[in-house]
Each structure stands twice: as C-alpha cells, then as structure tokens.
Amino acid sequence: MEIVKFTPGALAAIERYRKTLMISETHYLRIGIRQKNETNKRLLIGFDEKSDKDQAAVINGLQVIYTPGEVFFFAGMVIDFVEQDGKSGFTFTENVMNK
C-alpha cells in the first residue's frame, strides 16, 4: 500500500519545481509536519536530504522521505496541486476511497 497518492497535477508541479529550482538528485521529496508543537499540525511537502532517522518509499516513481512518527498524520492522503484565484499550492485531502 502506498503511504500517499499524488494526482497528475501534483506530479507535474513537483517535476516542474525540481527543474526550475535545480534541485539536486540527492534530495528527496519530503512529506511531513511543519511544526510539531502546534495543536493543529500543518503538513508540508518539499525537497530535502535523507537523514539516518528518515524512512524512504518510492511513490509514483518519486523517492519520498518522511519521519516514521509523522506518517500517521498524512497516511492515506491525496496530494494535489491547485491553481485558483491567482494562488497556487499543494493540498492534502483525505482519500475517500479508503473509507
């Protein structure tokens, strides 16, 4: 089972960011929590180097890393890239097919 799912729009945006920002191939796509001390934890997505504490997975051909203790906050989510009203960004939504 995949930890998360990416929409085609998200996959295209990730590839576009990797090329535009000239992200090294040694950097993985990190999924995690932005701030651990918040009551309402916000999820993040970005490029990062893998540490000894990280877990890795290949999802849709992407090398994804995450901290094992954080996986419960985003497991089963669908990651999309949305452009609306002049704003754009990644969104995390629950996968209704898993319910």
PDB file of N, CA and C in Angstrom:
ATOM      1  N   MET A   1       0.833  -1.196   0.000  1.00  0.00           N
ATOM      2  CA  MET A   1       0.000   0.000   0.000  1.00  0.00           C
ATOM      3  C   MET A   1       0.870   1.249   0.000  1.00  0.00           C
ATOM      4  N   GLU A   2       0.499   2.217  -0.816  1.00  0.00           N
ATOM      5  CA  GLU A   2       1.228   3.478  -0.856  1.00  0.00           C
ATOM      6  C   GLU A   2       0.822   4.347   0.322  1.00  0.00           C
ATOM      7  N   ILE A   3       1.772   5.067   0.853  1.00  0.00           N
ATOM      8  CA  ILE A   3       1.527   5.922   2.014  1.00  0.00           C
ATOM      9  C   ILE A   3       0.603   7.079   1.638  1.00  0.00           C
ATOM     10  N   VAL A   4       0.867   7.703   0.489  1.00  0.00           N
ATOM     11  CA  VAL A   4       0.046   8.792  -0.033  1.00  0.00           C
ATOM     12  C   VAL A   4      -0.157   8.543  -1.521  1.00  0.00           C
ATOM     13  N   LYS A   5      -1.059   9.311  -2.097  1.00  0.00           N
ATOM     14  CA  LYS A   5      -1.260   9.276  -3.543  1.00  0.00           C
ATOM     15  C   LYS A   5      -1.035  10.687  -4.073  1.00  0.00           C
ATOM     16  N   PHE A   6      -0.461  10.779  -5.265  1.00  0.00           N
ATOM     17  CA  PHE A   6      -0.253  12.055  -5.933  1.00  0.00           C
ATOM     18  C   PHE A   6      -1.168  12.136  -7.144  1.00  0.00           C
ATOM     19  N   THR A   7      -1.805  13.282  -7.343  1.00  0.00           N
ATOM     20  CA  THR A   7      -2.580  13.488  -8.558  1.00  0.00           C
ATOM     21  C   THR A   7      -1.611  13.794  -9.695  1.00  0.00           C
ATOM     22  N   PRO A   8      -2.053  13.652 -10.941  1.00  0.00           N
ATOM     23  CA  PRO A   8      -1.188  14.023 -12.068  1.00  0.00           C
ATOM     24  C   PRO A   8      -0.724  15.487 -11.980  1.00  0.00           C
ATOM     25  N   GLY A   9      -1.596  16.379 -11.500  1.00  0.00           N
ATOM     26  CA  GLY A   9      -1.214  17.785 -11.346  1.00  0.00           C
ATOM     27  C   GLY A   9      -0.094  17.972 -10.335  1.00  0.00           C
ATOM     28  N   ALA A  10      -0.146  17.223  -9.242  1.00  0.00           N
ATOM     29  CA  ALA A  10       0.902  17.298  -8.226  1.00  0.00           C
ATOM     30  C   ALA A  10       2.223  16.766  -8.782  1.00  0.00           C
ATOM     31  N   LEU A  11       2.167  15.656  -9.490  1.00  0.00           N
ATOM     32  CA  LEU A  11       3.388  15.084 -10.068  1.00  0.00           C
ATOM     33  C   LEU A  11       4.042  16.048 -11.054  1.00  0.00           C
ATOM     34  N   ALA A  12       3.221  16.702 -11.874  1.00  0.00           N
ATOM     35  CA  ALA A  12       3.752  17.670 -12.842  1.00  0.00           C
ATOM     36  C   ALA A  12       4.374  18.864 -12.127  1.00  0.00           C
ATOM     37  N   ALA A  13       3.723  19.360 -11.069  1.00  0.00           N
ATOM     38  CA  ALA A  13       4.250  20.502 -10.325  1.00  0.00           C
ATOM     39  C   ALA A  13       5.561  20.148  -9.619  1.00  0.00           C
ATOM     40  N   ILE A  14       5.637  18.956  -9.053  1.00  0.00           N
ATOM     41  CA  ILE A  14       6.870  18.521  -8.373  1.00  0.00           C
ATOM     42  C   ILE A  14       8.018  18.475  -9.374  1.00  0.00           C
ATOM     43  N   GLU A  15       7.789  17.903 -10.537  1.00  0.00           N
ATOM     44  CA  GLU A  15       8.827  17.834 -11.562  1.00  0.00           C
ATOM     45  C   GLU A  15       9.217  19.239 -12.041  1.00  0.00           C
ATOM     46  N   ARG A  16       8.225  20.105 -12.205  1.00  0.00           N
ATOM     47  CA  ARG A  16       8.491  21.485 -12.635  1.00  0.00           C
ATOM     48  C   ARG A  16       9.347  22.213 -11.594  1.00  0.00           C
ATOM     49  N   TYR A  17       9.011  22.070 -10.299  1.00  0.00           N
ATOM     50  CA  TYR A  17       9.798  22.704  -9.244  1.00  0.00           C
ATOM     51  C   TYR A  17      11.215  22.143  -9.204  1.00  0.00           C
ATOM     52  N   ARG A  18      11.347  20.841  -9.360  1.00  0.00           N
ATOM     53  CA  ARG A  18      12.687  20.227  -9.330  1.00  0.00           C
ATOM     54  C   ARG A  18      13.575  20.819 -10.425  1.00  0.00           C
ATOM     55  N   LYS A  19      13.009  20.968 -11.628  1.00  0.00           N
ATOM     56  CA  LYS A  19      13.786  21.512 -12.745  1.00  0.00           C
ATOM     57  C   LYS A  19      14.028  23.014 -12.594  1.00  0.00           C
ATOM     58  N   THR A  20      12.981  23.773 -12.266  1.00  0.00           N
ATOM     59  CA  THR A  20      13.091  25.225 -12.159  1.00  0.00           C
ATOM     60  C   THR A  20      14.058  25.642 -11.049  1.00  0.00           C
ATOM     61  N   LEU A  21      13.975  24.976  -9.919  1.00  0.00           N
ATOM     62  CA  LEU A  21      14.825  25.316  -8.771  1.00  0.00           C
ATOM     63  C   LEU A  21      16.162  24.580  -8.800  1.00  0.00           C
ATOM     64  N   MET A  22      16.365  23.749  -9.827  1.00  0.00           N
ATOM     65  CA  MET A  22      17.587  22.969  -9.999  1.00  0.00           C
ATOM     66  C   MET A  22      17.924  22.172  -8.734  1.00  0.00           C
ATOM     67  N   ILE A  23      16.934  21.427  -8.259  1.00  0.00           N
ATOM     68  CA  ILE A  23      17.090  20.591  -7.068  1.00  0.00           C
ATOM     69  C   ILE A  23      17.974  19.393  -7.408  1.00  0.00           C
ATOM     70  N   SER A  24      18.947  19.158  -6.592  1.00  0.00           N
ATOM     71  CA  SER A  24      19.877  18.050  -6.792  1.00  0.00           C
ATOM     72  C   SER A  24      19.151  16.710  -6.719  1.00  0.00           C
ATOM     73  N   GLU A  25      19.639  15.747  -7.463  1.00  0.00           N
ATOM     74  CA  GLU A  25      19.070  14.397  -7.437  1.00  0.00           C
ATOM     75  C   GLU A  25      19.331  13.715  -6.094  1.00  0.00           C
ATOM     76  N   THR A  26      20.228  14.289  -5.272  1.00  0.00           N
ATOM     77  CA  THR A  26      20.486  13.721  -3.946  1.00  0.00           C
ATOM     78  C   THR A  26      19.414  14.124  -2.944  1.00  0.00           C
ATOM     79  N   HIS A  27      18.531  15.033  -3.343  1.00  0.00           N
ATOM     80  CA  HIS A  27      17.439  15.469  -2.482  1.00  0.00           C
ATOM     81  C   HIS A  27      16.177  14.675  -2.813  1.00  0.00           C
ATOM     82  N   TYR A  28      15.485  14.266  -1.780  1.00  0.00           N
ATOM     83  CA  TYR A  28      14.249  13.517  -1.906  1.00  0.00           C
ATOM     84  C   TYR A  28      13.066  14.457  -1.687  1.00  0.00           C
ATOM     85  N   LEU A  29      11.888  13.987  -2.011  1.00  0.00           N
ATOM     86  CA  LEU A  29      10.676  14.734  -1.716  1.00  0.00           C
ATOM     87  C   LEU A  29      10.262  14.385  -0.287  1.00  0.00           C
ATOM     88  N   ARG A  30      10.242  15.379   0.594  1.00  0.00           N
ATOM     89  CA  ARG A  30       9.879  15.145   1.991  1.00  0.00           C
ATOM     90  C   ARG A  30       8.409  15.499   2.206  1.00  0.00           C
ATOM     91  N   ILE A  31       7.712  14.601   2.913  1.00  0.00           N
ATOM     92  CA  ILE A  31       6.352  14.845   3.364  1.00  0.00           C
ATOM     93  C   ILE A  31       6.397  14.785   4.880  1.00  0.00           C
ATOM     94  N   GLY A  32       5.803  15.772   5.537  1.00  0.00           N
ATOM     95  CA  GLY A  32       5.872  15.765   6.992  1.00  0.00           C
ATOM     96  C   GLY A  32       4.989  16.806   7.636  1.00  0.00           C
ATOM     97  N   ILE A  33       5.346  17.141   8.866  1.00  0.00           N
ATOM     98  CA  ILE A  33       4.626  18.129   9.654  1.00  0.00           C
ATOM     99  C   ILE A  33       5.475  19.384   9.746  1.00  0.00           C
ATOM    100  N   ARG A  34       4.855  20.533   9.497  1.00  0.00           N
ATOM    101  CA  ARG A  34       5.586  21.799   9.524  1.00  0.00           C
ATOM    102  C   ARG A  34       6.059  22.145  10.931  1.00  0.00           C
ATOM    103  N   GLN A  35       5.177  22.131  11.904  1.00  0.00           N
ATOM    104  CA  GLN A  35       5.528  22.452  13.289  1.00  0.00           C
ATOM    105  C   GLN A  35       4.923  21.405  14.207  1.00  0.00           C
ATOM    106  N   LYS A  36       5.767  20.741  14.950  1.00  0.00           N
ATOM    107  CA  LYS A  36       5.303  19.648  15.790  1.00  0.00           C
ATOM    108  C   LYS A  36       4.603  20.108  17.050  1.00  0.00           C
ATOM    109  N   ASN A  37       4.821  21.342  17.483  1.00  0.00           N
ATOM    110  CA  ASN A  37       4.240  21.786  18.748  1.00  0.00           C
ATOM    111  C   ASN A  37       2.881  22.450  18.589  1.00  0.00           C
ATOM    112  N   GLU A  38       2.367  22.526  17.407  1.00  0.00           N
ATOM    113  CA  GLU A  38       1.060  23.135  17.193  1.00  0.00           C
ATOM    114  C   GLU A  38      -0.054  22.144  17.491  1.00  0.00           C
ATOM    115  N   THR A  39      -1.152  22.631  17.968  1.00  0.00           N
ATOM    116  CA  THR A  39      -2.320  21.782  18.178  1.00  0.00           C
ATOM    117  C   THR A  39      -2.853  21.312  16.830  1.00  0.00           C
ATOM    118  N   ASN A  40      -2.957  22.225  15.874  1.00  0.00           N
ATOM    119  CA  ASN A  40      -3.419  21.905  14.528  1.00  0.00           C
ATOM    120  C   ASN A  40      -2.180  21.745  13.648  1.00  0.00           C
ATOM    121  N   LYS A  41      -1.704  20.549  13.476  1.00  0.00           N
ATOM    122  CA  LYS A  41      -0.469  20.309  12.738  1.00  0.00           C
ATOM    123  C   LYS A  41      -0.686  20.539  11.246  1.00  0.00           C
ATOM    124  N   ARG A  42       0.167  21.354  10.657  1.00  0.00           N
ATOM    125  CA  ARG A  42       0.103  21.628   9.226  1.00  0.00           C
ATOM    126  C   ARG A  42       1.089  20.727   8.504  1.00  0.00           C
ATOM    127  N   LEU A  43       0.658  20.157   7.410  1.00  0.00           N
ATOM    128  CA  LEU A  43       1.503  19.250   6.649  1.00  0.00           C
ATOM    129  C   LEU A  43       2.374  20.033   5.677  1.00  0.00           C
ATOM    130  N   LEU A  44       3.517  19.460   5.322  1.00  0.00           N
ATOM    131  CA  LEU A  44       4.428  20.121   4.397  1.00  0.00           C
ATOM    132  C   LEU A  44       4.894  19.149   3.335  1.00  0.00           C
ATOM    133  N   ILE A  45       5.371  19.732   2.260  1.00  0.00           N
ATOM    134  CA  ILE A  45       5.968  18.977   1.172  1.00  0.00           C
ATOM    135  C   ILE A  45       7.115  19.834   0.655  1.00  0.00           C
ATOM    136  N   GLY A  46       8.274  19.226   0.431  1.00  0.00           N
ATOM    137  CA  GLY A  46       9.434  19.968  -0.052  1.00  0.00           C
ATOM    138  C   GLY A  46      10.581  19.020  -0.331  1.00  0.00           C
ATOM    139  N   PHE A  47      11.689  19.547  -0.816  1.00  0.00           N
ATOM    140  CA  PHE A  47      12.851  18.734  -1.130  1.00  0.00           C
ATOM    141  C   PHE A  47      13.848  18.808   0.020  1.00  0.00           C
ATOM    142  N   ASP A  48      14.463  17.670   0.339  1.00  0.00           N
ATOM    143  CA  ASP A  48      15.361  17.616   1.485  1.00  0.00           C
ATOM    144  C   ASP A  48      16.315  16.438   1.306  1.00  0.00           C
ATOM    145  N   GLU A  49      17.422  16.480   2.052  1.00  0.00           N
ATOM    146  CA  GLU A  49      18.337  15.347   2.080  1.00  0.00           C
ATOM    147  C   GLU A  49      17.828  14.326   3.094  1.00  0.00           C
ATOM    148  N   LYS A  50      18.100  13.076   2.838  1.00  0.00           N
ATOM    149  CA  LYS A  50      17.672  11.995   3.721  1.00  0.00           C
ATOM    150  C   LYS A  50      18.612  11.902   4.916  1.00  0.00           C
ATOM    151  N   SER A  51      18.023  11.785   6.106  1.00  0.00           N
ATOM    152  CA  SER A  51      18.817  11.593   7.315  1.00  0.00           C
ATOM    153  C   SER A  51      18.728  10.124   7.741  1.00  0.00           C
ATOM    154  N   ASP A  52      19.523   9.759   8.727  1.00  0.00           N
ATOM    155  CA  ASP A  52      19.511   8.389   9.231  1.00  0.00           C
ATOM    156  C   ASP A  52      18.178   8.017   9.858  1.00  0.00           C
ATOM    157  N   LYS A  53      17.419   9.008  10.323  1.00  0.00           N
ATOM    158  CA  LYS A  53      16.148   8.753  11.003  1.00  0.00           C
ATOM    159  C   LYS A  53      14.969   8.644  10.035  1.00  0.00           C
ATOM    160  N   ASP A  54      15.176   9.010   8.775  1.00  0.00           N
ATOM    161  CA  ASP A  54      14.090   9.016   7.794  1.00  0.00           C
ATOM    162  C   ASP A  54      13.787   7.630   7.250  1.00  0.00           C
ATOM    163  N   GLN A  55      12.531   7.439   6.892  1.00  0.00           N
ATOM    164  CA  GLN A  55      12.090   6.283   6.124  1.00  0.00           C
ATOM    165  C   GLN A  55      11.951   6.741   4.682  1.00  0.00           C
ATOM    166  N   ALA A  56      12.130   5.826   3.747  1.00  0.00           N
ATOM    167  CA  ALA A  56      12.019   6.171   2.331  1.00  0.00           C
ATOM    168  C   ALA A  56      11.036   5.228   1.644  1.00  0.00           C
ATOM    169  N   ALA A  57      10.383   5.758   0.624  1.00  0.00           N
ATOM    170  CA  ALA A  57       9.461   4.963  -0.185  1.00  0.00           C
ATOM    171  C   ALA A  57       9.483   5.523  -1.604  1.00  0.00           C
ATOM    172  N   VAL A  58       9.168   4.700  -2.560  1.00  0.00           N
ATOM    173  CA  VAL A  58       9.024   5.154  -3.940  1.00  0.00           C
ATOM    174  C   VAL A  58       7.533   5.162  -4.237  1.00  0.00           C
ATOM    175  N   ILE A  59       7.015   6.349  -4.559  1.00  0.00           N
ATOM    176  CA  ILE A  59       5.595   6.517  -4.855  1.00  0.00           C
ATOM    177  C   ILE A  59       5.480   7.220  -6.196  1.00  0.00           C
ATOM    178  N   ASN A  60       4.801   6.603  -7.131  1.00  0.00           N
ATOM    179  CA  ASN A  60       4.663   7.143  -8.489  1.00  0.00           C
ATOM    180  C   ASN A  60       6.020   7.503  -9.086  1.00  0.00           C
ATOM    181  N   GLY A  61       7.041   6.714  -8.788  1.00  0.00           N
ATOM    182  CA  GLY A  61       8.378   6.953  -9.320  1.00  0.00           C
ATOM    183  C   GLY A  61       9.173   7.994  -8.562  1.00  0.00           C
ATOM    184  N   LEU A  62       8.581   8.610  -7.545  1.00  0.00           N
ATOM    185  CA  LEU A  62       9.273   9.625  -6.743  1.00  0.00           C
ATOM    186  C   LEU A  62       9.893   8.998  -5.509  1.00  0.00           C
ATOM    187  N   GLN A  63      11.115   9.390  -5.201  1.00  0.00           N
ATOM    188  CA  GLN A  63      11.751   8.993  -3.947  1.00  0.00           C
ATOM    189  C   GLN A  63      11.207   9.917  -2.871  1.00  0.00           C
ATOM    190  N   VAL A  64      10.418   9.382  -1.959  1.00  0.00           N
ATOM    191  CA  VAL A  64       9.772  10.163  -0.905  1.00  0.00           C
ATOM    192  C   VAL A  64      10.391   9.771   0.438  1.00  0.00           C
ATOM    193  N   ILE A  65      10.650  10.771   1.290  1.00  0.00           N
ATOM    194  CA  ILE A  65      11.140  10.505   2.638  1.00  0.00           C
ATOM    195  C   ILE A  65      10.185  11.112   3.654  1.00  0.00           C
ATOM    196  N   TYR A  66      10.211  10.532   4.861  1.00  0.00           N
ATOM    197  CA  TYR A  66       9.350  11.020   5.935  1.00  0.00           C
ATOM    198  C   TYR A  66       9.904  10.523   7.259  1.00  0.00           C
ATOM    199  N   THR A  67       9.539  11.206   8.331  1.00  0.00           N
ATOM    200  CA  THR A  67       9.893  10.776   9.668  1.00  0.00           C
ATOM    201  C   THR A  67       8.859   9.744  10.102  1.00  0.00           C
ATOM    202  N   PRO A  68       9.282   8.563  10.542  1.00  0.00           N
ATOM    203  CA  PRO A  68       8.322   7.494  10.852  1.00  0.00           C
ATOM    204  C   PRO A  68       7.197   7.911  11.801  1.00  0.00           C
ATOM    205  N   GLY A  69       7.477   8.701  12.810  1.00  0.00           N
ATOM    206  CA  GLY A  69       6.447   9.100  13.768  1.00  0.00           C
ATOM    207  C   GLY A  69       5.419  10.064  13.215  1.00  0.00           C
ATOM    208  N   GLU A  70       5.696  10.660  12.064  1.00  0.00           N
ATOM    209  CA  GLU A  70       4.771  11.620  11.466  1.00  0.00           C
ATOM    210  C   GLU A  70       3.835  10.989  10.449  1.00  0.00           C
ATOM    211  N   VAL A  71       4.119   9.778  10.022  1.00  0.00           N
ATOM    212  CA  VAL A  71       3.366   9.157   8.937  1.00  0.00           C
ATOM    213  C   VAL A  71       1.875   9.046   9.255  1.00  0.00           C
ATOM    214  N   PHE A  72       1.520   8.923  10.511  1.00  0.00           N
ATOM    215  CA  PHE A  72       0.109   8.773  10.885  1.00  0.00           C
ATOM    216  C   PHE A  72      -0.711  10.026  10.596  1.00  0.00           C
ATOM    217  N   PHE A  73      -0.046  11.173  10.447  1.00  0.00           N
ATOM    218  CA  PHE A  73      -0.761  12.420  10.177  1.00  0.00           C
ATOM    219  C   PHE A  73      -1.109  12.586   8.699  1.00  0.00           C
ATOM    220  N   PHE A  74      -0.393  11.892   7.807  1.00  0.00           N
ATOM    221  CA  PHE A  74      -0.674  12.068   6.379  1.00  0.00           C
ATOM    222  C   PHE A  74      -0.926  10.761   5.628  1.00  0.00           C
ATOM    223  N   ALA A  75      -0.821   9.636   6.287  1.00  0.00           N
ATOM    224  CA  ALA A  75      -1.051   8.352   5.607  1.00  0.00           C
ATOM    225  C   ALA A  75      -2.462   8.316   5.023  1.00  0.00           C
ATOM    226  N   GLY A  76      -2.556   7.887   3.785  1.00  0.00           N
ATOM    227  CA  GLY A  76      -3.842   7.780   3.108  1.00  0.00           C
ATOM    228  C   GLY A  76      -4.311   9.061   2.434  1.00  0.00           C
ATOM    229  N   MET A  77      -3.529  10.127   2.540  1.00  0.00           N
ATOM    230  CA  MET A  77      -3.930  11.407   1.933  1.00  0.00           C
ATOM    231  C   MET A  77      -3.646  11.410   0.427  1.00  0.00           C
ATOM    232  N   VAL A  78      -4.350  12.273  -0.265  1.00  0.00           N
ATOM    233  CA  VAL A  78      -4.107  12.536  -1.680  1.00  0.00           C
ATOM    234  C   VAL A  78      -3.491  13.931  -1.761  1.00  0.00           C
ATOM    235  N   ILE A  79      -2.343  14.014  -2.433  1.00  0.00           N
ATOM    236  CA  ILE A  79      -1.655  15.294  -2.592  1.00  0.00           C
ATOM    237  C   ILE A  79      -1.940  15.799  -4.001  1.00  0.00           C
ATOM    238  N   ASP A  80      -2.458  17.011  -4.066  1.00  0.00           N
ATOM    239  CA  ASP A  80      -2.815  17.630  -5.343  1.00  0.00           C
ATOM    240  C   ASP A  80      -2.116  18.983  -5.432  1.00  0.00           C
ATOM    241  N   PHE A  81      -2.061  19.539  -6.631  1.00  0.00           N
ATOM    242  CA  PHE A  81      -1.550  20.888  -6.833  1.00  0.00           C
ATOM    243  C   PHE A  81      -2.686  21.687  -7.438  1.00  0.00           C
ATOM    244  N   VAL A  82      -3.062  22.769  -6.757  1.00  0.00           N
ATOM    245  CA  VAL A  82      -4.230  23.548  -7.149  1.00  0.00           C
ATOM    246  C   VAL A  82      -3.815  24.968  -7.507  1.00  0.00           C
ATOM    247  N   GLU A  83      -4.375  25.473  -8.600  1.00  0.00           N
ATOM    248  CA  GLU A  83      -4.190  26.867  -9.000  1.00  0.00           C
ATOM    249  C   GLU A  83      -5.569  27.490  -9.061  1.00  0.00           C
ATOM    250  N   GLN A  84      -5.799  28.498  -8.189  1.00  0.00           N
ATOM    251  CA  GLN A  84      -7.122  29.091  -8.105  1.00  0.00           C
ATOM    252  C   GLN A  84      -7.008  30.531  -7.625  1.00  0.00           C
ATOM    253  N   ASP A  85      -7.732  31.427  -8.251  1.00  0.00           N
ATOM    254  CA  ASP A  85      -7.781  32.835  -7.864  1.00  0.00           C
ATOM    255  C   ASP A  85      -6.391  33.462  -7.762  1.00  0.00           C
ATOM    256  N   GLY A  86      -5.520  33.113  -8.696  1.00  0.00           N
ATOM    257  CA  GLY A  86      -4.183  33.684  -8.715  1.00  0.00           C
ATOM    258  C   GLY A  86      -3.223  33.088  -7.701  1.00  0.00           C
ATOM    259  N   LYS A  87      -3.660  32.088  -6.972  1.00  0.00           N
ATOM    260  CA  LYS A  87      -2.806  31.430  -5.982  1.00  0.00           C
ATOM    261  C   LYS A  87      -2.617  29.981  -6.387  1.00  0.00           C
ATOM    262  N   SER A  88      -1.494  29.410  -5.963  1.00  0.00           N
ATOM    263  CA  SER A  88      -1.253  28.007  -6.267  1.00  0.00           C
ATOM    264  C   SER A  88      -0.519  27.358  -5.104  1.00  0.00           C
ATOM    265  N   GLY A  89      -0.704  26.053  -4.988  1.00  0.00           N
ATOM    266  CA  GLY A  89      -0.015  25.320  -3.939  1.00  0.00           C
ATOM    267  C   GLY A  89      -0.508  23.890  -3.836  1.00  0.00           C
ATOM    268  N   PHE A  90       0.183  23.142  -3.000  1.00  0.00           N
ATOM    269  CA  PHE A  90      -0.170  21.747  -2.783  1.00  0.00           C
ATOM    270  C   PHE A  90      -1.253  21.648  -1.721  1.00  0.00           C
ATOM    271  N   THR A  91      -2.143  20.702  -1.909  1.00  0.00           N
ATOM    272  CA  THR A  91      -3.187  20.442  -0.923  1.00  0.00           C
ATOM    273  C   THR A  91      -3.131  18.980  -0.516  1.00  0.00           C
ATOM    274  N   PHE A  92      -3.482  18.721   0.721  1.00  0.00           N
ATOM    275  CA  PHE A  92      -3.591  17.361   1.246  1.00  0.00           C
ATOM    276  C   PHE A  92      -5.064  17.129   1.555  1.00  0.00           C
ATOM    277  N   THR A  93      -5.652  16.105   0.958  1.00  0.00           N
ATOM    278  CA  THR A  93      -7.045  15.773   1.259  1.00  0.00           C
ATOM    279  C   THR A  93      -7.141  14.292   1.577  1.00  0.00           C
ATOM    280  N   GLU A  94      -8.164  13.947   2.346  1.00  0.00           N
ATOM    281  CA  GLU A  94      -8.362  12.554   2.682  1.00  0.00           C
ATOM    282  C   GLU A  94      -8.799  11.792   1.446  1.00  0.00           C
ATOM    283  N   ASN A  95      -8.305  10.589   1.321  1.00  0.00           N
ATOM    284  CA  ASN A  95      -8.670   9.722   0.212  1.00  0.00           C
ATOM    285  C   ASN A  95     -10.000   9.049   0.570  1.00  0.00           C
ATOM    286  N   VAL A  96     -11.083   9.511  -0.026  1.00  0.00           N
ATOM    287  CA  VAL A  96     -12.404   8.969   0.303  1.00  0.00           C
ATOM    288  C   VAL A  96     -12.555   7.523  -0.139  1.00  0.00           C
ATOM    289  N   MET A  97     -11.723   7.051  -1.037  1.00  0.00           N
ATOM    290  CA  MET A  97     -11.782   5.666  -1.487  1.00  0.00           C
ATOM    291  C   MET A  97     -11.302   4.711  -0.393  1.00  0.00           C
ATOM    292  N   ASN A  98     -10.505   5.223   0.559  1.00  0.00           N
ATOM    293  CA  ASN A  98     -10.006   4.379   1.649  1.00  0.00           C
ATOM    294  C   ASN A  98     -11.002   4.244   2.782  1.00  0.00           C
ATOM    295  N   LYS A  99     -12.099   4.972   2.730  1.00  0.00           N
ATOM    296  CA  LYS A  99     -13.072   4.948   3.826  1.00  0.00           C
ATOM    297  C   LYS A  99     -14.163   3.952   3.567  1.00  0.00           C
TER     298      LYS A  99
END
